[in-house]
Amino acid sequence: MFTALELARIQFGFTISFHIIFPAITIGLAAYLAVLEACWLRTQRDLYKQLYHFWSKIFAVNFGMGVVSGLVMAYQFGTNWSYFSEFAGSITGPLLAYEVLTAFFLEAGFLGIMLFGWNRVGPKLHFFATVMVALGTLVSTFWILASNSWMHTPQGHAIVDGRVIPVDWWLIIFNPSFPFRLAHMAVAAFLATALFVGGSAAWHLLRGRNTPAVRKMFSMAMWMALLVAPLQAVIGDLHGLNTLEYQPAKIAAMEGHWENVEGEAVPLLLFGWPNMLDERTDWAVGIPGLGSLILTHTWDGHIPALSEFAPEDRPPAHIIFWSFRIMVGLGVLMIVLGIWALVLRRGDRLYQSRPLLRFAVAMGPTGLIAILAGWYTTEIGRQPWLVQGLMRTADGVSAHSAGTLGTTLVLFVATYFFVFGVGIWYVLRLVARGPEEMADTTTGGPGQLHHAMRPISASGEDVLVSGDPQHGSEPEGRA
């Protein structure tokens, strides 16, 4: 049987796992749309405009699902983690409020122009709106990561009467882990989107839809993977050095070492199963000395072992040991994909190589899987702390019974799989249609619908408005 604490953690982990995939794709697609529109303004090639309209529909659905799932996340701080909110709300509350006042208002202010204003405003103003929406997604990432990073490496505060009081907002926002985690998450969103776009294009190419728009989509995605995947590896390495300095217990759990001798090189364990009860890693397979080289950039650098920490202060190594390896392993495959595509560009083989195309399709969802694995590594690796060194997770949970939390968890699972399952199915349906099969975007399109619209309206499917019932919109010029 699960305790109330375990159920509260499972519920939060479940809801955030659904939530994080939508903002990640939204961040990447917003930037991709800005690039597409910039290319169209510069070249006036219709395929860029066609791709913009195609991916803007998918962006709109993701944006809507991200907003809905994010509201649930915010409510949980008050329902399931009320003692944490009481303890640290004077810091996390304003940071989340800043996100709403800056990023959300920026996105909301320009989203309508971006989705529905193509034929209503000038091209430069429309491009400006697209850039502002893309900027808004990054500003949102900034504030969310500032709040979460403070929980990992808190500073700039004082504790008065058992509560955290902000003292220096500059130190709070730019805490030691924030720059690395912000860069890691933003680049992860770009990379996940590139893989999603590339996998979609490869799927169409495998089915014989070798059109200029699909080819361009695939080419841009492969260039992005080639450039960003190695960059992400560098950022991840810097993030690891920062974590070794400020959260050594997390590193010890990620590496699965129980005993390390000062002055001796530490191996890199490729496989194994950290045994938390017997304090050993079963079936360990490692490469001598590589652990020290990667984590300390020296041949004999010391890495903390799990035995150096009290049992009650150790993260659950058996989980994050493997979540970390899933993330890194997928990252290596992303680098391979980018290099393979680069090699095949010679001789115009990029769009004909079926092994590459199948590999790209298989890699399509791996960016999101890697984000989830990395998030689990980061958040579970912080345990047993809710705010590192200041509040334990067990002290932040609300006083609910296990039965209450179990019931709400079941309801969450059923509701999420239905609502967001339908949403994900709808996104995949749009992707399967492809840019060539969408409605003509030079006249008509989302900007021609003459009634109040919501972001989901930008999907453009089966919409009837006043006017010709056969065509669903009025002809150009009759508004």
Protein backbone atom coordinates (compact mmCIF):
# COMPACT_ATOMS: atom_id res chain seq x y z
CA MET A 1 0.00 0.00 0.00
CA PHE A 2 1.15 3.51 -0.80
CA THR A 3 1.36 6.19 1.85
CA ALA A 4 -0.27 9.59 1.44
CA LEU A 5 3.16 11.10 0.74
CA GLU A 6 3.92 8.58 -2.00
CA LEU A 7 0.51 9.09 -3.61
CA ALA A 8 0.93 12.87 -3.55
CA ARG A 9 4.30 12.52 -5.24
CA ILE A 10 2.95 10.08 -7.82
CA GLN A 11 0.06 12.41 -8.59
CA PHE A 12 2.36 15.39 -9.07
CA GLY A 13 4.77 13.33 -11.16
CA PHE A 14 1.92 12.04 -13.33
CA THR A 15 0.43 15.48 -14.02
CA ILE A 16 3.78 17.11 -14.69
CA SER A 17 4.73 14.31 -17.08
CA PHE A 18 1.69 15.17 -19.19
CA HIS A 19 2.20 18.90 -18.84
CA ILE A 20 5.86 19.14 -19.76
CA ILE A 21 5.50 17.62 -23.22
CA PHE A 22 3.11 20.34 -24.41
CA PRO A 23 5.17 23.41 -23.41
CA ALA A 24 8.30 21.72 -24.79
CA ILE A 25 6.74 21.33 -28.24
CA THR A 26 5.16 24.80 -27.96
CA ILE A 27 8.54 26.41 -27.24
CA GLY A 28 10.18 24.67 -30.17
CA LEU A 29 7.33 25.17 -32.63
CA ALA A 30 7.02 28.87 -31.81
CA ALA A 31 10.68 29.39 -32.69
CA TYR A 32 10.30 27.18 -35.78
CA LEU A 33 7.33 29.23 -36.97
CA ALA A 34 9.32 32.44 -36.54
CA VAL A 35 12.13 30.96 -38.65
CA LEU A 36 9.68 29.80 -41.34
CA GLU A 37 8.05 33.20 -41.58
CA ALA A 38 11.43 34.93 -41.70
CA CYS A 39 12.45 32.63 -44.56
CA TRP A 40 9.21 33.41 -46.38
CA LEU A 41 9.68 37.17 -45.97
CA ARG A 42 13.22 36.91 -47.28
CA THR A 43 12.63 34.52 -50.21
CA GLN A 44 8.86 34.77 -50.90
CA ARG A 45 8.88 31.01 -51.54
CA ASP A 46 5.40 29.60 -51.00
CA LEU A 47 6.62 26.40 -49.37
CA TYR A 48 7.73 28.34 -46.27
CA LYS A 49 4.29 29.91 -46.02
CA GLN A 50 2.70 26.51 -46.53
CA LEU A 51 4.81 24.98 -43.76
CA TYR A 52 4.00 27.90 -41.48
CA HIS A 53 0.25 27.38 -41.81
CA PHE A 54 0.60 23.63 -41.40
CA TRP A 55 2.65 23.78 -38.18
CA SER A 56 0.70 26.74 -36.76
CA LYS A 57 -2.34 24.46 -36.53
CA ILE A 58 -0.37 21.91 -34.51
CA PHE A 59 1.10 24.70 -32.39
CA ALA A 60 -2.40 25.97 -31.56
CA VAL A 61 -3.57 22.57 -30.28
CA ASN A 62 -0.40 22.09 -28.21
CA PHE A 63 -0.71 25.58 -26.78
CA GLY A 64 -4.26 24.93 -25.63
CA MET A 65 -3.39 21.61 -24.00
CA GLY A 66 -0.36 23.16 -22.32
CA VAL A 67 -2.47 25.91 -20.74
CA VAL A 68 -5.06 23.45 -19.42
CA SER A 69 -2.52 21.02 -17.98
CA GLY A 70 -0.56 23.90 -16.45
CA LEU A 71 -3.59 25.12 -14.48
CA VAL A 72 -3.85 21.72 -12.79
CA MET A 73 -0.19 21.93 -11.80
CA ALA A 74 -0.72 25.29 -10.11
CA TYR A 75 -3.72 24.09 -8.11
CA GLN A 76 -1.76 21.15 -6.69
CA PHE A 77 0.55 23.46 -4.78
CA GLY A 78 -2.42 24.53 -2.69
CA THR A 79 -4.25 21.20 -2.46
CA ASN A 80 -1.50 18.60 -2.05
CA TRP A 81 1.51 20.68 -0.97
CA SER A 82 0.03 23.35 1.26
CA TYR A 83 2.81 23.22 3.88
CA PHE A 84 5.38 23.78 1.14
CA SER A 85 3.35 26.72 -0.18
CA GLU A 86 3.18 28.17 3.33
CA PHE A 87 6.93 27.71 3.83
CA ALA A 88 8.25 28.90 0.45
CA GLY A 89 5.28 30.67 -1.15
CA SER A 90 6.80 34.11 -0.64
CA ILE A 91 9.42 33.14 -3.24
CA THR A 92 7.74 30.62 -5.55
CA GLY A 93 4.47 32.60 -5.63
CA PRO A 94 5.93 35.86 -7.00
CA LEU A 95 8.11 34.01 -9.50
CA LEU A 96 5.09 32.20 -10.93
CA ALA A 97 3.15 35.48 -10.89
CA TYR A 98 5.92 37.14 -12.90
CA GLU A 99 5.54 34.36 -15.45
CA VAL A 100 1.85 35.18 -15.84
CA LEU A 101 2.38 38.96 -15.93
CA THR A 102 5.12 38.80 -18.55
CA ALA A 103 5.12 35.61 -20.61
CA PHE A 104 1.45 34.67 -20.58
CA PHE A 105 0.24 38.22 -21.28
CA LEU A 106 2.82 38.54 -24.06
CA GLU A 107 1.70 35.28 -25.65
CA ALA A 108 -1.99 36.05 -25.22
CA GLY A 109 -1.60 39.53 -26.63
CA PHE A 110 -0.06 38.41 -29.91
CA LEU A 111 -1.41 34.86 -30.27
CA GLY A 112 -4.60 35.97 -32.01
CA ILE A 113 -2.67 37.99 -34.59
CA MET A 114 -0.29 35.10 -35.14
CA LEU A 115 -2.97 32.46 -35.66
CA PHE A 116 -5.74 34.45 -37.35
CA GLY A 117 -4.19 37.65 -38.69
CA TRP A 118 -2.25 36.45 -41.72
CA ASN A 119 -4.66 38.14 -44.16
CA ARG A 120 -5.71 40.94 -41.81
CA VAL A 121 -2.43 42.67 -40.93
CA GLY A 122 0.73 43.44 -42.86
CA PRO A 123 3.44 40.79 -43.20
CA LYS A 124 5.90 42.65 -40.99
CA LEU A 125 3.37 43.10 -38.18
CA HIS A 126 2.38 39.46 -38.45
CA PHE A 127 6.03 38.40 -38.26
CA PHE A 128 6.48 40.63 -35.22
CA ALA A 129 3.51 38.88 -33.56
CA THR A 130 5.05 35.47 -34.28
CA VAL A 131 8.37 36.55 -32.80
CA MET A 132 6.63 37.92 -29.71
CA VAL A 133 4.81 34.63 -29.15
CA ALA A 134 8.10 32.76 -29.53
CA LEU A 135 9.76 35.18 -27.10
CA GLY A 136 6.86 34.71 -24.68
CA THR A 137 7.43 30.95 -24.56
CA LEU A 138 11.07 31.53 -23.65
CA VAL A 139 10.17 34.12 -21.01
CA SER A 140 7.78 31.59 -19.50
CA THR A 141 10.60 29.04 -19.43
CA PHE A 142 12.80 31.62 -17.71
CA TRP A 143 10.46 32.17 -14.76
CA ILE A 144 9.43 28.54 -14.33
CA LEU A 145 13.04 27.39 -14.31
CA ALA A 146 14.02 30.22 -11.94
CA SER A 147 11.44 29.00 -9.42
CA ASN A 148 12.31 25.34 -9.79
CA SER A 149 16.06 25.95 -9.78
CA TRP A 150 15.79 27.89 -6.53
CA MET A 151 14.34 24.74 -4.96
CA HIS A 152 17.51 22.89 -6.01
CA THR A 153 20.07 25.54 -5.11
CA PRO A 154 18.35 28.04 -2.80
CA GLN A 155 19.99 31.36 -1.97
CA GLY A 156 19.09 35.00 -1.42
CA HIS A 157 16.63 34.24 1.39
CA ALA A 158 16.25 34.25 5.16
CA ILE A 159 14.11 32.01 7.37
CA VAL A 160 11.89 33.96 9.76
CA ASP A 161 9.35 32.24 12.03
CA GLY A 162 9.67 29.02 10.06
CA ARG A 163 9.06 30.62 6.67
CA VAL A 164 11.32 31.61 3.81
CA ILE A 165 11.57 35.37 3.32
CA PRO A 166 13.13 36.85 0.16
CA VAL A 167 16.18 39.03 0.82
CA ASP A 168 17.85 39.44 -2.58
CA TRP A 169 15.73 38.73 -5.66
CA TRP A 170 18.74 38.84 -7.96
CA LEU A 171 20.35 35.99 -6.01
CA ILE A 172 17.04 34.13 -5.84
CA ILE A 173 16.42 34.25 -9.58
CA PHE A 174 20.00 33.72 -10.70
CA ASN A 175 20.75 30.94 -8.27
CA PRO A 176 23.74 28.67 -9.02
CA SER A 177 21.91 26.00 -11.03
CA PHE A 178 19.55 28.33 -12.93
CA PRO A 179 21.68 29.28 -15.98
CA PHE A 180 22.56 25.66 -16.71
CA ARG A 181 19.04 24.34 -16.21
CA LEU A 182 17.49 27.12 -18.30
CA ALA A 183 19.85 26.48 -21.21
CA HIS A 184 19.43 22.70 -20.89
CA MET A 185 15.62 22.89 -20.96
CA ALA A 186 15.36 25.45 -23.76
CA VAL A 187 17.74 23.53 -26.01
CA ALA A 188 15.93 20.30 -25.13
CA ALA A 189 12.67 21.86 -26.35
CA PHE A 190 14.28 22.92 -29.63
CA LEU A 191 15.81 19.48 -30.12
CA ALA A 192 12.60 17.62 -29.26
CA THR A 193 10.70 19.76 -31.78
CA ALA A 194 13.31 19.18 -34.48
CA LEU A 195 13.02 15.43 -33.97
CA PHE A 196 9.22 15.63 -34.02
CA VAL A 197 9.25 17.65 -37.23
CA GLY A 198 11.92 15.41 -38.78
CA GLY A 199 10.08 12.24 -37.83
CA SER A 200 6.88 13.62 -39.34
CA ALA A 201 8.63 14.50 -42.60
CA ALA A 202 10.38 11.11 -42.75
CA TRP A 203 7.02 9.38 -42.29
CA HIS A 204 5.64 11.20 -45.34
CA LEU A 205 8.77 10.53 -47.39
CA LEU A 206 8.53 6.81 -46.66
CA ARG A 207 4.99 6.90 -48.06
CA GLY A 208 6.07 8.50 -51.31
CA ARG A 209 5.10 12.10 -50.53
CA ASN A 210 8.39 13.49 -51.82
CA THR A 211 7.13 17.07 -52.19
CA PRO A 212 9.24 20.25 -51.88
CA ALA A 213 7.51 21.18 -48.61
CA VAL A 214 8.14 17.77 -47.02
CA ARG A 215 11.75 17.73 -48.24
CA LYS A 216 12.37 21.19 -46.81
CA MET A 217 10.77 20.19 -43.52
CA PHE A 218 13.03 17.14 -43.24
CA SER A 219 16.16 19.03 -44.28
CA MET A 220 15.62 21.82 -41.73
CA ALA A 221 14.98 19.30 -38.96
CA MET A 222 18.17 17.35 -39.73
CA TRP A 223 20.25 20.54 -39.77
CA MET A 224 18.79 21.44 -36.39
CA ALA A 225 19.57 18.00 -34.96
CA LEU A 226 23.12 18.20 -36.28
CA LEU A 227 23.75 21.57 -34.64
CA VAL A 228 21.75 21.32 -31.42
CA ALA A 229 22.34 17.72 -30.28
CA PRO A 230 26.12 18.20 -29.75
CA LEU A 231 25.44 21.59 -28.15
CA GLN A 232 23.06 19.89 -25.71
CA ALA A 233 25.80 17.43 -24.78
CA VAL A 234 28.13 20.33 -23.92
CA ILE A 235 25.46 22.07 -21.85
CA GLY A 236 24.68 18.79 -20.10
CA ASP A 237 28.35 18.39 -19.20
CA LEU A 238 28.45 21.89 -17.67
CA HIS A 239 25.21 21.17 -15.84
CA GLY A 240 26.76 17.98 -14.46
CA LEU A 241 29.77 19.89 -13.09
CA ASN A 242 27.39 22.33 -11.40
CA THR A 243 25.36 19.48 -9.91
CA LEU A 244 28.53 17.81 -8.62
CA GLU A 245 29.33 21.00 -6.73
CA TYR A 246 25.91 21.76 -5.28
CA GLN A 247 24.06 18.42 -5.19
CA PRO A 248 26.72 15.70 -4.87
CA ALA A 249 24.24 13.13 -3.55
CA LYS A 250 22.35 13.34 -6.84
CA ILE A 251 25.54 12.69 -8.79
CA ALA A 252 26.40 9.75 -6.56
CA ALA A 253 22.99 8.22 -7.21
CA MET A 254 23.22 8.88 -10.96
CA GLU A 255 26.57 7.12 -11.11
CA GLY A 256 25.56 4.25 -8.82
CA HIS A 257 28.83 4.19 -6.84
CA TRP A 258 28.79 3.09 -3.21
CA GLU A 259 32.50 3.23 -2.37
CA ASN A 260 35.06 5.54 -4.01
CA VAL A 261 38.61 5.92 -2.78
CA GLU A 262 40.16 9.39 -2.72
CA GLY A 263 42.90 9.67 -5.37
CA GLU A 264 41.75 6.66 -7.41
CA ALA A 265 40.04 6.95 -10.77
CA VAL A 266 36.34 6.16 -10.73
CA PRO A 267 34.85 3.94 -13.45
CA LEU A 268 31.81 4.87 -15.50
CA LEU A 269 29.08 2.31 -14.91
CA LEU A 270 27.24 1.60 -18.14
CA PHE A 271 24.81 -0.90 -16.65
CA GLY A 272 23.83 -2.16 -13.22
CA TRP A 273 21.11 -2.03 -10.60
CA PRO A 274 21.75 0.06 -7.48
CA ASN A 275 20.64 -2.05 -4.51
CA MET A 276 19.49 0.41 -1.86
CA LEU A 277 19.02 -2.26 0.82
CA ASP A 278 22.37 -4.03 0.50
CA GLU A 279 24.21 -0.82 -0.47
CA ARG A 280 25.79 -2.14 -3.64
CA THR A 281 25.23 -2.01 -7.38
CA ASP A 282 24.36 -5.45 -8.71
CA TRP A 283 25.49 -6.64 -12.16
CA ALA A 284 27.67 -3.55 -12.65
CA VAL A 285 29.46 -3.17 -15.98
CA GLY A 286 31.79 -0.21 -16.23
CA ILE A 287 34.68 1.42 -18.06
CA PRO A 288 37.69 2.09 -15.75
CA GLY A 289 38.56 5.73 -15.14
CA LEU A 290 35.94 7.17 -17.48
CA GLY A 291 33.67 8.35 -14.65
CA SER A 292 36.36 10.64 -13.24
CA LEU A 293 37.24 11.96 -16.69
CA ILE A 294 33.65 12.85 -17.62
CA LEU A 295 32.51 14.25 -14.29
CA THR A 296 35.67 16.04 -13.11
CA HIS A 297 37.62 16.42 -16.38
CA THR A 298 40.63 14.83 -14.67
CA TRP A 299 41.95 11.24 -14.73
CA ASP A 300 41.70 10.69 -10.98
CA GLY A 301 39.06 13.18 -9.84
CA HIS A 302 36.99 12.15 -6.83
CA ILE A 303 33.26 11.52 -7.18
CA PRO A 304 31.18 11.23 -3.99
CA ALA A 305 29.84 7.77 -3.27
CA LEU A 306 26.41 6.98 -1.84
CA SER A 307 27.92 5.61 1.37
CA GLU A 308 29.22 9.12 2.16
CA PHE A 309 25.63 10.26 2.78
CA ALA A 310 23.30 9.19 5.56
CA PRO A 311 20.69 6.64 4.41
CA GLU A 312 17.86 9.12 4.97
CA ASP A 313 19.63 11.66 2.70
CA ARG A 314 20.17 9.35 -0.27
CA PRO A 315 18.05 9.75 -3.43
CA PRO A 316 16.43 6.57 -4.84
CA ALA A 317 19.42 5.60 -6.99
CA HIS A 318 17.72 2.66 -8.69
CA ILE A 319 15.37 5.10 -10.48
CA ILE A 320 17.64 7.97 -11.45
CA PHE A 321 20.54 5.67 -12.37
CA TRP A 322 18.45 4.44 -15.31
CA SER A 323 16.51 7.61 -16.12
CA PHE A 324 19.86 9.36 -16.53
CA ARG A 325 21.15 6.64 -18.85
CA ILE A 326 18.00 6.74 -20.94
CA MET A 327 18.46 10.48 -21.41
CA VAL A 328 22.15 10.19 -22.30
CA GLY A 329 21.65 7.18 -24.55
CA LEU A 330 18.95 8.93 -26.54
CA GLY A 331 21.18 12.00 -26.77
CA VAL A 332 23.91 9.91 -28.38
CA LEU A 333 21.43 8.55 -30.91
CA MET A 334 20.33 12.12 -31.72
CA ILE A 335 23.93 13.05 -32.52
CA VAL A 336 24.20 9.93 -34.71
CA LEU A 337 21.05 10.94 -36.58
CA GLY A 338 22.39 14.42 -37.34
CA ILE A 339 25.76 13.11 -38.55
CA TRP A 340 24.14 10.35 -40.64
CA ALA A 341 21.92 12.91 -42.35
CA LEU A 342 24.93 15.14 -43.03
CA VAL A 343 26.79 12.27 -44.71
CA LEU A 344 23.81 11.41 -46.91
CA ARG A 345 23.38 14.98 -48.13
CA ARG A 346 26.21 14.28 -50.56
CA GLY A 347 24.81 12.85 -53.76
CA ASP A 348 21.25 13.93 -52.83
CA ARG A 349 20.67 10.72 -50.86
CA LEU A 350 19.09 12.40 -47.85
CA TYR A 351 15.51 11.86 -49.02
CA GLN A 352 15.99 8.42 -50.59
CA SER A 353 17.72 6.47 -47.81
CA ARG A 354 14.98 4.34 -46.28
CA PRO A 355 17.17 3.21 -43.33
CA LEU A 356 17.76 6.86 -42.40
CA LEU A 357 14.09 7.72 -42.83
CA ARG A 358 13.01 4.79 -40.66
CA PHE A 359 15.55 5.83 -38.04
CA ALA A 360 14.23 9.42 -38.14
CA VAL A 361 10.66 8.18 -37.66
CA ALA A 362 11.75 6.06 -34.69
CA MET A 363 13.61 9.06 -33.24
CA GLY A 364 10.55 11.33 -33.59
CA PRO A 365 9.27 10.96 -29.99
CA THR A 366 12.69 10.46 -28.37
CA GLY A 367 13.19 14.16 -27.68
CA LEU A 368 10.14 14.16 -25.43
CA ILE A 369 11.17 10.87 -23.84
CA ALA A 370 14.60 12.33 -23.09
CA ILE A 371 12.99 15.42 -21.53
CA LEU A 372 10.89 13.23 -19.26
CA ALA A 373 13.90 11.10 -18.32
CA GLY A 374 15.96 14.20 -17.59
CA TRP A 375 13.16 15.72 -15.52
CA TYR A 376 12.84 12.54 -13.47
CA THR A 377 16.59 12.53 -12.94
CA THR A 378 16.56 16.11 -11.74
CA GLU A 379 13.50 16.01 -9.51
CA ILE A 380 13.80 12.53 -8.04
CA GLY A 381 17.52 13.13 -7.59
CA ARG A 382 16.69 16.04 -5.25
CA GLN A 383 14.89 13.71 -2.85
CA PRO A 384 14.41 13.55 0.06
CA TRP A 385 14.43 17.35 -0.16
CA LEU A 386 11.62 19.52 -1.45
CA VAL A 387 13.81 22.60 -1.07
CA GLN A 388 17.41 21.42 -0.95
CA GLY A 389 18.69 21.59 2.61
CA LEU A 390 15.70 23.58 3.87
CA MET A 391 12.54 21.44 3.69
CA ARG A 392 12.11 17.72 3.30
CA THR A 393 9.43 16.42 0.98
CA ALA A 394 7.67 14.67 3.85
CA ASP A 395 7.26 18.03 5.61
CA GLY A 396 5.66 19.79 2.64
CA VAL A 397 2.74 17.49 1.86
CA SER A 398 -0.81 18.40 2.90
CA ALA A 399 -2.58 16.43 5.63
CA HIS A 400 -4.74 14.29 3.34
CA SER A 401 -5.47 10.62 3.83
CA ALA A 402 -4.10 7.98 1.49
CA GLY A 403 -7.65 7.12 0.47
CA THR A 404 -8.38 10.69 -0.61
CA LEU A 405 -5.18 10.98 -2.61
CA GLY A 406 -5.67 7.54 -4.12
CA THR A 407 -9.16 8.46 -5.31
CA THR A 408 -8.06 11.73 -6.86
CA LEU A 409 -5.11 10.00 -8.51
CA VAL A 410 -7.42 7.48 -10.19
CA LEU A 411 -9.65 10.32 -11.38
CA PHE A 412 -6.64 12.22 -12.70
CA VAL A 413 -5.37 9.20 -14.62
CA ALA A 414 -8.77 8.48 -16.19
CA THR A 415 -9.42 12.13 -17.10
CA TYR A 416 -5.93 12.81 -18.43
CA PHE A 417 -5.79 9.75 -20.63
CA PHE A 418 -9.18 10.62 -22.12
CA VAL A 419 -8.78 14.39 -22.56
CA PHE A 420 -5.13 14.60 -23.49
CA GLY A 421 -5.22 11.25 -25.25
CA VAL A 422 -7.80 12.71 -27.61
CA GLY A 423 -5.68 15.84 -27.98
CA ILE A 424 -2.54 13.87 -28.82
CA TRP A 425 -4.51 11.72 -31.27
CA TYR A 426 -5.79 14.90 -32.93
CA VAL A 427 -2.25 16.31 -33.25
CA LEU A 428 -1.04 13.08 -34.83
CA ARG A 429 -4.00 13.20 -37.20
CA LEU A 430 -3.00 16.68 -38.30
CA VAL A 431 0.59 15.55 -38.76
CA ALA A 432 -0.53 12.57 -40.85
CA ARG A 433 -2.40 14.86 -43.26
CA GLY A 434 0.79 16.67 -44.18
CA PRO A 435 1.30 20.24 -45.43
CA GLU A 436 0.24 19.48 -49.01
CA GLU A 437 -3.23 18.36 -47.99
CA MET A 438 -4.10 21.42 -45.96
CA ALA A 439 -6.45 24.08 -47.31
CA ASP A 440 -5.04 26.76 -49.58
CA THR A 441 -3.30 29.32 -47.41
CA THR A 442 -2.85 32.13 -49.92
CA THR A 443 -6.53 33.10 -49.74
CA GLY A 444 -8.89 32.11 -47.00
CA GLY A 445 -7.50 30.06 -44.13
CA PRO A 446 -7.75 30.81 -40.44
CA GLY A 447 -7.67 34.57 -40.90
CA GLN A 448 -10.85 34.54 -42.96
CA LEU A 449 -13.21 33.05 -40.37
CA HIS A 450 -15.68 35.79 -39.45
CA HIS A 451 -16.57 34.95 -35.86
CA ALA A 452 -14.89 34.92 -32.47
CA MET A 453 -12.08 32.37 -32.39
CA ARG A 454 -10.06 30.39 -29.87
CA PRO A 455 -6.57 28.93 -30.40
CA ILE A 456 -8.04 25.49 -31.13
CA SER A 457 -9.93 27.06 -34.04
CA ALA A 458 -6.62 27.38 -35.85
CA SER A 459 -6.63 23.65 -36.50
CA GLY A 460 -8.96 24.55 -39.33
CA GLU A 461 -10.87 21.26 -39.44
CA ASP A 462 -14.57 21.00 -40.18
CA VAL A 463 -15.34 24.63 -39.32
CA LEU A 464 -18.59 26.20 -40.62
CA VAL A 465 -19.34 29.88 -40.24
CA SER A 466 -21.90 32.30 -41.64
CA GLY A 467 -21.67 32.48 -45.38
CA ASP A 468 -21.57 29.74 -47.99
CA PRO A 469 -22.48 26.48 -46.14
CA GLN A 470 -20.52 24.49 -48.66
CA HIS A 471 -17.27 26.36 -48.20
CA GLY A 472 -17.52 27.43 -44.58
CA SER A 473 -16.37 31.02 -45.10
CA GLU A 474 -17.16 34.09 -47.11
CA PRO A 475 -15.15 34.90 -50.21
CA GLU A 476 -12.30 37.37 -49.98
CA GLY A 477 -13.53 40.94 -49.78
CA ARG A 478 -17.07 40.26 -48.52
CA ALA A 479 -16.41 40.75 -44.83
